[in-house]
C-alpha cells in the first residue's frame, strides 16, 4: 500500500470550545504563514448550546504538523504562565 501524500493529508492540531484560545491559535498560525482550515461543530448532548459552546477545530496539511504543534505549545505555555488569568 502506498503512503499518503503529506501535502494532501489533513490533521487536526487544535480543538476547543474556548473562542479566545481559538482566536489566538489562528493568529499564531497566520503570523507563521501556516495555511489552515477552521471549523465549528455544535456538540451533541445535554448542557451545551450550539450557539454558546460550539467545538472549534483547526486542521492543517500533515507536512506542517510539527511547526504548528510547536506554535500550539507556545500558546499553551503562555496560558500557563504567571499573570495570565
PDB file of N, CA and C in Angstrom:
ATOM      1  N   UNK A   1       0.839  -1.184   0.000  1.00  0.00           N
ATOM      2  CA  UNK A   1       0.000   0.000   0.000  1.00  0.00           C
ATOM      3  C   UNK A   1       0.885   1.249   0.000  1.00  0.00           C
ATOM      4  N   UNK A   2       0.495   2.201  -0.756  1.00  0.00           N
ATOM      5  CA  UNK A   2       1.256   3.433  -0.905  1.00  0.00           C
ATOM      6  C   UNK A   2       0.990   4.390   0.261  1.00  0.00           C
ATOM      7  N   UNK A   3       2.042   5.073   0.714  1.00  0.00           N
ATOM      8  CA  UNK A   3       1.905   6.054   1.803  1.00  0.00           C
ATOM      9  C   UNK A   3       1.126   7.268   1.310  1.00  0.00           C
ATOM     10  N   UNK A   4       0.273   7.871   2.165  1.00  0.00           N
ATOM     11  CA  UNK A   4      -0.454   9.070   1.744  1.00  0.00           C
ATOM     12  C   UNK A   4       0.500  10.244   1.540  1.00  0.00           C
ATOM     13  N   UNK A   5       0.163  11.087   0.612  1.00  0.00           N
ATOM     14  CA  UNK A   5       0.954  12.292   0.332  1.00  0.00           C
ATOM     15  C   UNK A   5       0.757  13.265   1.492  1.00  0.00           C
ATOM     16  N   UNK A   6       1.841  13.649   2.226  1.00  0.00           N
ATOM     17  CA  UNK A   6       1.683  14.543   3.382  1.00  0.00           C
ATOM     18  C   UNK A   6       1.161  15.930   3.011  1.00  0.00           C
ATOM     19  N   UNK A   7       1.247  16.291   1.733  1.00  0.00           N
ATOM     20  CA  UNK A   7       0.700  17.582   1.314  1.00  0.00           C
ATOM     21  C   UNK A   7      -0.810  17.506   1.123  1.00  0.00           C
ATOM     22  N   UNK A   8      -1.337  16.286   1.013  1.00  0.00           N
ATOM     23  CA  UNK A   8      -2.776  16.099   0.843  1.00  0.00           C
ATOM     24  C   UNK A   8      -3.452  15.619   2.117  1.00  0.00           C
ATOM     25  N   UNK A   9      -2.687  15.018   3.011  1.00  0.00           N
ATOM     26  CA  UNK A   9      -3.235  14.509   4.269  1.00  0.00           C
ATOM     27  C   UNK A   9      -3.524  15.677   5.210  1.00  0.00           C
ATOM     28  N   UNK A  10      -4.663  15.640   5.897  1.00  0.00           N
ATOM     29  CA  UNK A  10      -5.086  16.701   6.814  1.00  0.00           C
ATOM     30  C   UNK A  10      -5.077  16.160   8.239  1.00  0.00           C
ATOM     31  N   UNK A  11      -4.539  16.949   9.178  1.00  0.00           N
ATOM     32  CA  UNK A  11      -4.524  16.568  10.591  1.00  0.00           C
ATOM     33  C   UNK A  11      -5.134  17.686  11.434  1.00  0.00           C
ATOM     34  N   UNK A  12      -5.759  17.305  12.540  1.00  0.00           N
ATOM     35  CA  UNK A  12      -6.326  18.272  13.482  1.00  0.00           C
ATOM     36  C   UNK A  12      -5.269  18.605  14.521  1.00  0.00           C
ATOM     37  N   UNK A  13      -4.998  19.912  14.705  1.00  0.00           N
ATOM     38  CA  UNK A  13      -3.990  20.319  15.683  1.00  0.00           C
ATOM     39  C   UNK A  13      -4.575  21.107  16.844  1.00  0.00           C
ATOM     40  N   UNK A  14      -5.847  21.491  16.733  1.00  0.00           N
ATOM     41  CA  UNK A  14      -6.470  22.286  17.796  1.00  0.00           C
ATOM     42  C   UNK A  14      -7.954  21.959  17.824  1.00  0.00           C
ATOM     43  N   UNK A  15      -8.483  21.829  19.049  1.00  0.00           N
ATOM     44  CA  UNK A  15      -9.912  21.568  19.225  1.00  0.00           C
ATOM     45  C   UNK A  15     -10.321  22.109  20.589  1.00  0.00           C
ATOM     46  N   UNK A  16     -11.294  23.011  20.618  1.00  0.00           N
ATOM     47  CA  UNK A  16     -11.707  23.615  21.884  1.00  0.00           C
ATOM     48  C   UNK A  16     -13.044  24.324  21.710  1.00  0.00           C
ATOM     49  N   UNK A  17     -13.700  24.592  22.831  1.00  0.00           N
ATOM     50  CA  UNK A  17     -14.891  25.432  22.796  1.00  0.00           C
ATOM     51  C   UNK A  17     -14.568  26.844  23.288  1.00  0.00           C
ATOM     52  N   UNK A  18     -13.290  27.122  23.525  1.00  0.00           N
ATOM     53  CA  UNK A  18     -12.823  28.425  24.014  1.00  0.00           C
ATOM     54  C   UNK A  18     -12.543  29.348  22.829  1.00  0.00           C
ATOM     55  N   UNK A  19     -13.392  30.349  22.632  1.00  0.00           N
ATOM     56  CA  UNK A  19     -13.263  31.263  21.495  1.00  0.00           C
ATOM     57  C   UNK A  19     -11.965  32.064  21.553  1.00  0.00           C
ATOM     58  N   UNK A  20     -11.529  32.465  22.734  1.00  0.00           N
ATOM     59  CA  UNK A  20     -10.296  33.248  22.861  1.00  0.00           C
ATOM     60  C   UNK A  20      -9.083  32.403  22.455  1.00  0.00           C
ATOM     61  N   UNK A  21      -9.000  31.175  22.961  1.00  0.00           N
ATOM     62  CA  UNK A  21      -7.888  30.289  22.605  1.00  0.00           C
ATOM     63  C   UNK A  21      -7.904  29.990  21.107  1.00  0.00           C
ATOM     64  N   UNK A  22      -9.089  29.805  20.550  1.00  0.00           N
ATOM     65  CA  UNK A  22      -9.238  29.550  19.116  1.00  0.00           C
ATOM     66  C   UNK A  22      -8.716  30.741  18.310  1.00  0.00           C
ATOM     67  N   UNK A  23      -9.079  31.929  18.709  1.00  0.00           N
ATOM     68  CA  UNK A  23      -8.620  33.136  18.013  1.00  0.00           C
ATOM     69  C   UNK A  23      -7.105  33.298  18.114  1.00  0.00           C
ATOM     70  N   UNK A  24      -6.556  33.019  19.287  1.00  0.00           N
ATOM     71  CA  UNK A  24      -5.104  33.098  19.466  1.00  0.00           C
ATOM     72  C   UNK A  24      -4.376  32.056  18.610  1.00  0.00           C
ATOM     73  N   UNK A  25      -4.917  30.854  18.569  1.00  0.00           N
ATOM     74  CA  UNK A  25      -4.300  29.798  17.760  1.00  0.00           C
ATOM     75  C   UNK A  25      -4.300  30.189  16.283  1.00  0.00           C
ATOM     76  N   UNK A  26      -5.417  30.710  15.796  1.00  0.00           N
ATOM     77  CA  UNK A  26      -5.475  31.150  14.400  1.00  0.00           C
ATOM     78  C   UNK A  26      -4.486  32.275  14.141  1.00  0.00           C
ATOM     79  N   UNK A  27      -4.366  33.196  15.088  1.00  0.00           N
ATOM     80  CA  UNK A  27      -3.433  34.312  14.940  1.00  0.00           C
ATOM     81  C   UNK A  27      -1.987  33.829  14.854  1.00  0.00           C
ATOM     82  N   UNK A  28      -1.620  32.860  15.707  1.00  0.00           N
ATOM     83  CA  UNK A  28      -0.262  32.300  15.669  1.00  0.00           C
ATOM     84  C   UNK A  28       0.017  31.649  14.314  1.00  0.00           C
ATOM     85  N   UNK A  29      -0.948  30.891  13.803  1.00  0.00           N
ATOM     86  CA  UNK A  29      -0.766  30.237  12.513  1.00  0.00           C
ATOM     87  C   UNK A  29      -0.683  31.263  11.385  1.00  0.00           C
ATOM     88  N   UNK A  30      -1.514  32.309  11.451  1.00  0.00           N
ATOM     89  CA  UNK A  30      -1.465  33.377  10.445  1.00  0.00           C
ATOM     90  C   UNK A  30      -0.093  34.040  10.430  1.00  0.00           C
ATOM     91  N   UNK A  31       0.408  34.385  11.622  1.00  0.00           N
ATOM     92  CA  UNK A  31       1.710  35.058  11.728  1.00  0.00           C
ATOM     93  C   UNK A  31       2.849  34.190  11.202  1.00  0.00           C
ATOM     94  N   UNK A  32       2.727  32.864  11.354  1.00  0.00           N
ATOM     95  CA  UNK A  32       3.779  31.947  10.902  1.00  0.00           C
ATOM     96  C   UNK A  32       3.598  31.541   9.436  1.00  0.00           C
ATOM     97  N   UNK A  33       2.499  31.969   8.830  1.00  0.00           N
ATOM     98  CA  UNK A  33       2.255  31.635   7.429  1.00  0.00           C
ATOM     99  C   UNK A  33       1.807  30.204   7.200  1.00  0.00           C
ATOM    100  N   UNK A  34       1.223  29.588   8.224  1.00  0.00           N
ATOM    101  CA  UNK A  34       0.734  28.211   8.106  1.00  0.00           C
ATOM    102  C   UNK A  34      -0.713  28.251   7.627  1.00  0.00           C
ATOM    103  N   UNK A  35      -0.974  27.580   6.499  1.00  0.00           N
ATOM    104  CA  UNK A  35      -2.345  27.503   5.989  1.00  0.00           C
ATOM    105  C   UNK A  35      -3.147  26.543   6.852  1.00  0.00           C
ATOM    106  N   UNK A  36      -4.420  26.857   7.080  1.00  0.00           N
ATOM    107  CA  UNK A  36      -5.256  26.008   7.920  1.00  0.00           C
ATOM    108  C   UNK A  36      -6.705  26.103   7.491  1.00  0.00           C
ATOM    109  N   UNK A  37      -7.500  25.160   7.978  1.00  0.00           N
ATOM    110  CA  UNK A  37      -8.936  25.168   7.795  1.00  0.00           C
ATOM    111  C   UNK A  37      -9.556  25.207   9.185  1.00  0.00           C
ATOM    112  N   UNK A  38     -10.426  26.163   9.438  1.00  0.00           N
ATOM    113  CA  UNK A  38     -11.080  26.293  10.742  1.00  0.00           C
ATOM    114  C   UNK A  38     -12.564  25.938  10.586  1.00  0.00           C
ATOM    115  N   UNK A  39     -13.084  25.187  11.550  1.00  0.00           N
ATOM    116  CA  UNK A  39     -14.492  24.810  11.512  1.00  0.00           C
ATOM    117  C   UNK A  39     -15.087  24.849  12.910  1.00  0.00           C
ATOM    118  N   UNK A  40     -16.417  24.903  12.956  1.00  0.00           N
ATOM    119  CA  UNK A  40     -17.156  24.875  14.212  1.00  0.00           C
ATOM    120  C   UNK A  40     -18.232  23.806  14.112  1.00  0.00           C
ATOM    121  N   UNK A  41     -18.312  22.949  15.124  1.00  0.00           N
ATOM    122  CA  UNK A  41     -19.334  21.910  15.182  1.00  0.00           C
ATOM    123  C   UNK A  41     -20.137  22.087  16.456  1.00  0.00           C
ATOM    124  N   UNK A  42     -21.437  21.976  16.340  1.00  0.00           N
ATOM    125  CA  UNK A  42     -22.284  22.019  17.527  1.00  0.00           C
ATOM    126  C   UNK A  42     -22.214  20.659  18.218  1.00  0.00           C
ATOM    127  N   UNK A  43     -21.833  20.629  19.503  1.00  0.00           N
ATOM    128  CA  UNK A  43     -21.749  19.351  20.209  1.00  0.00           C
ATOM    129  C   UNK A  43     -23.131  18.781  20.495  1.00  0.00           C
ATOM    130  N   UNK A  44     -23.229  17.472  20.469  1.00  0.00           N
ATOM    131  CA  UNK A  44     -24.480  16.808  20.827  1.00  0.00           C
ATOM    132  C   UNK A  44     -24.451  16.506  22.320  1.00  0.00           C
ATOM    133  N   UNK A  45     -25.600  16.522  22.946  1.00  0.00           N
ATOM    134  CA  UNK A  45     -25.659  16.164  24.364  1.00  0.00           C
ATOM    135  C   UNK A  45     -26.373  17.218  25.167  1.00  0.00           C
ATOM    136  N   UNK A  46     -26.448  16.972  26.444  1.00  0.00           N
ATOM    137  CA  UNK A  46     -27.152  17.862  27.351  1.00  0.00           C
ATOM    138  C   UNK A  46     -26.220  18.921  27.910  1.00  0.00           C
ATOM    139  N   UNK A  47     -26.751  20.084  28.191  1.00  0.00           N
ATOM    140  CA  UNK A  47     -25.989  21.134  28.842  1.00  0.00           C
ATOM    141  C   UNK A  47     -25.163  21.982  27.899  1.00  0.00           C
ATOM    142  N   UNK A  48     -25.222  21.713  26.619  1.00  0.00           N
ATOM    143  CA  UNK A  48     -24.477  22.507  25.660  1.00  0.00           C
ATOM    144  C   UNK A  48     -25.436  23.240  24.746  1.00  0.00           C
ATOM    145  N   UNK A  49     -25.073  24.427  24.393  1.00  0.00           N
ATOM    146  CA  UNK A  49     -25.831  25.175  23.404  1.00  0.00           C
ATOM    147  C   UNK A  49     -24.946  25.312  22.171  1.00  0.00           C
ATOM    148  N   UNK A  50     -25.411  24.899  20.990  1.00  0.00           N
ATOM    149  CA  UNK A  50     -24.586  25.033  19.795  1.00  0.00           C
ATOM    150  C   UNK A  50     -24.208  26.485  19.504  1.00  0.00           C
ATOM    151  N   UNK A  51     -24.986  27.407  20.021  1.00  0.00           N
ATOM    152  CA  UNK A  51     -24.684  28.820  19.802  1.00  0.00           C
ATOM    153  C   UNK A  51     -23.601  29.275  20.779  1.00  0.00           C
ATOM    154  N   UNK A  52     -23.683  28.848  22.038  1.00  0.00           N
ATOM    155  CA  UNK A  52     -22.745  29.299  23.056  1.00  0.00           C
ATOM    156  C   UNK A  52     -21.498  28.437  23.168  1.00  0.00           C
ATOM    157  N   UNK A  53     -21.585  27.141  22.849  1.00  0.00           N
ATOM    158  CA  UNK A  53     -20.468  26.225  23.062  1.00  0.00           C
ATOM    159  C   UNK A  53     -20.123  25.381  21.835  1.00  0.00           C
ATOM    160  N   UNK A  54     -19.942  25.974  20.664  1.00  0.00           N
ATOM    161  CA  UNK A  54     -19.538  25.119  19.540  1.00  0.00           C
ATOM    162  C   UNK A  54     -18.098  24.646  19.735  1.00  0.00           C
ATOM    163  N   UNK A  55     -17.813  23.464  19.234  1.00  0.00           N
ATOM    164  CA  UNK A  55     -16.443  22.955  19.260  1.00  0.00           C
ATOM    165  C   UNK A  55     -15.744  23.528  18.033  1.00  0.00           C
ATOM    166  N   UNK A  56     -14.662  24.249  18.272  1.00  0.00           N
ATOM    167  CA  UNK A  56     -13.898  24.856  17.185  1.00  0.00           C
ATOM    168  C   UNK A  56     -12.672  23.991  16.921  1.00  0.00           C
ATOM    169  N   UNK A  57     -12.384  23.791  15.649  1.00  0.00           N
ATOM    170  CA  UNK A  57     -11.321  22.886  15.257  1.00  0.00           C
ATOM    171  C   UNK A  57     -10.467  23.551  14.187  1.00  0.00           C
ATOM    172  N   UNK A  58      -9.147  23.311  14.275  1.00  0.00           N
ATOM    173  CA  UNK A  58      -8.226  23.791  13.254  1.00  0.00           C
ATOM    174  C   UNK A  58      -7.522  22.576  12.667  1.00  0.00           C
ATOM    175  N   UNK A  59      -7.558  22.487  11.343  1.00  0.00           N
ATOM    176  CA  UNK A  59      -6.904  21.397  10.636  1.00  0.00           C
ATOM    177  C   UNK A  59      -5.897  21.977   9.649  1.00  0.00           C
ATOM    178  N   UNK A  60      -4.800  21.249   9.468  1.00  0.00           N
ATOM    179  CA  UNK A  60      -3.725  21.709   8.586  1.00  0.00           C
ATOM    180  C   UNK A  60      -3.197  20.539   7.758  1.00  0.00           C
ATOM    181  N   UNK A  61      -2.415  20.852   6.701  1.00  0.00           N
ATOM    182  CA  UNK A  61      -1.747  19.768   5.971  1.00  0.00           C
ATOM    183  C   UNK A  61      -0.744  19.067   6.887  1.00  0.00           C
ATOM    184  N   UNK A  62      -0.646  17.756   6.775  1.00  0.00           N
ATOM    185  CA  UNK A  62       0.201  16.956   7.667  1.00  0.00           C
ATOM    186  C   UNK A  62       1.663  17.392   7.631  1.00  0.00           C
ATOM    187  N   UNK A  63       2.155  17.856   6.494  1.00  0.00           N
ATOM    188  CA  UNK A  63       3.573  18.213   6.420  1.00  0.00           C
ATOM    189  C   UNK A  63       3.921  19.451   7.238  1.00  0.00           C
ATOM    190  N   UNK A  64       2.928  20.217   7.704  1.00  0.00           N
ATOM    191  CA  UNK A  64       3.167  21.386   8.564  1.00  0.00           C
ATOM    192  C   UNK A  64       2.867  21.089  10.033  1.00  0.00           C
ATOM    193  N   UNK A  65       2.577  19.838  10.353  1.00  0.00           N
ATOM    194  CA  UNK A  65       2.137  19.456  11.698  1.00  0.00           C
ATOM    195  C   UNK A  65       3.145  19.831  12.783  1.00  0.00           C
ATOM    196  N   UNK A  66       4.422  19.499  12.594  1.00  0.00           N
ATOM    197  CA  UNK A  66       5.425  19.762  13.629  1.00  0.00           C
ATOM    198  C   UNK A  66       5.527  21.256  13.937  1.00  0.00           C
ATOM    199  N   UNK A  67       5.583  22.075  12.910  1.00  0.00           N
ATOM    200  CA  UNK A  67       5.663  23.525  13.106  1.00  0.00           C
ATOM    201  C   UNK A  67       4.418  24.034  13.841  1.00  0.00           C
ATOM    202  N   UNK A  68       3.254  23.581  13.425  1.00  0.00           N
ATOM    203  CA  UNK A  68       2.009  24.032  14.039  1.00  0.00           C
ATOM    204  C   UNK A  68       1.900  23.580  15.495  1.00  0.00           C
ATOM    205  N   UNK A  69       2.337  22.359  15.781  1.00  0.00           N
ATOM    206  CA  UNK A  69       2.281  21.880  17.159  1.00  0.00           C
ATOM    207  C   UNK A  69       3.225  22.674  18.060  1.00  0.00           C
ATOM    208  N   UNK A  70       4.366  23.092  17.531  1.00  0.00           N
ATOM    209  CA  UNK A  70       5.269  23.951  18.307  1.00  0.00           C
ATOM    210  C   UNK A  70       4.588  25.281  18.624  1.00  0.00           C
ATOM    211  N   UNK A  71       3.869  25.833  17.666  1.00  0.00           N
ATOM    212  CA  UNK A  71       3.146  27.088  17.899  1.00  0.00           C
ATOM    213  C   UNK A  71       2.047  26.897  18.944  1.00  0.00           C
ATOM    214  N   UNK A  72       1.330  25.769  18.875  1.00  0.00           N
ATOM    215  CA  UNK A  72       0.267  25.493  19.844  1.00  0.00           C
ATOM    216  C   UNK A  72       0.861  25.297  21.241  1.00  0.00           C
ATOM    217  N   UNK A  73       2.070  24.743  21.307  1.00  0.00           N
ATOM    218  CA  UNK A  73       2.746  24.574  22.592  1.00  0.00           C
ATOM    219  C   UNK A  73       3.090  25.945  23.191  1.00  0.00           C
ATOM    220  N   UNK A  74       3.517  26.879  22.341  1.00  0.00           N
ATOM    221  CA  UNK A  74       3.793  28.240  22.805  1.00  0.00           C
ATOM    222  C   UNK A  74       2.524  28.875  23.366  1.00  0.00           C
ATOM    223  N   UNK A  75       1.402  28.634  22.700  1.00  0.00           N
ATOM    224  CA  UNK A  75       0.121  29.155  23.175  1.00  0.00           C
ATOM    225  C   UNK A  75      -0.219  28.557  24.528  1.00  0.00           C
ATOM    226  N   UNK A  76      -0.019  27.264  24.679  1.00  0.00           N
ATOM    227  CA  UNK A  76      -0.295  26.588  25.944  1.00  0.00           C
ATOM    228  C   UNK A  76       0.611  27.112  27.050  1.00  0.00           C
ATOM    229  N   UNK A  77       1.902  27.317  26.733  1.00  0.00           N
ATOM    230  CA  UNK A  77       2.847  27.845  27.715  1.00  0.00           C
ATOM    231  C   UNK A  77       2.455  29.255  28.147  1.00  0.00           C
ATOM    232  N   UNK A  78       1.991  30.069  27.208  1.00  0.00           N
ATOM    233  CA  UNK A  78       1.583  31.442  27.525  1.00  0.00           C
ATOM    234  C   UNK A  78       0.366  31.450  28.446  1.00  0.00           C
ATOM    235  N   UNK A  79      -0.565  30.509  28.227  1.00  0.00           N
ATOM    236  CA  UNK A  79      -1.755  30.424  29.075  1.00  0.00           C
ATOM    237  C   UNK A  79      -1.392  29.984  30.495  1.00  0.00           C
ATOM    238  N   UNK A  80      -0.343  29.162  30.629  1.00  0.00           N
ATOM    239  CA  UNK A  80       0.053  28.636  31.921  1.00  0.00           C
ATOM    240  C   UNK A  80       0.990  29.551  32.707  1.00  0.00           C
ATOM    241  N   UNK A  81       1.517  30.590  32.058  1.00  0.00           N
ATOM    242  CA  UNK A  81       2.493  31.459  32.719  1.00  0.00           C
ATOM    243  C   UNK A  81       1.822  32.337  33.772  1.00  0.00           C
ATOM    244  N   UNK A  82       2.574  32.751  34.807  1.00  0.00           N
ATOM    245  CA  UNK A  82       2.003  33.600  35.854  1.00  0.00           C
ATOM    246  C   UNK A  82       1.481  34.913  35.292  1.00  0.00           C
ATOM    247  N   UNK A  83       0.365  35.346  35.834  1.00  0.00           N
ATOM    248  CA  UNK A  83      -0.223  36.622  35.418  1.00  0.00           C
ATOM    249  C   UNK A  83      -1.099  36.514  34.196  1.00  0.00           C
ATOM    250  N   UNK A  84      -1.382  35.273  33.737  1.00  0.00           N
ATOM    251  CA  UNK A  84      -2.220  35.123  32.563  1.00  0.00           C
ATOM    252  C   UNK A  84      -3.577  34.535  32.938  1.00  0.00           C
ATOM    253  N   UNK A  85      -4.332  35.196  33.750  1.00  0.00           N
ATOM    254  CA  UNK A  85      -5.677  34.737  34.068  1.00  0.00           C
ATOM    255  C   UNK A  85      -6.566  35.903  34.317  1.00  0.00           C
TER     256      UNK A  85
END
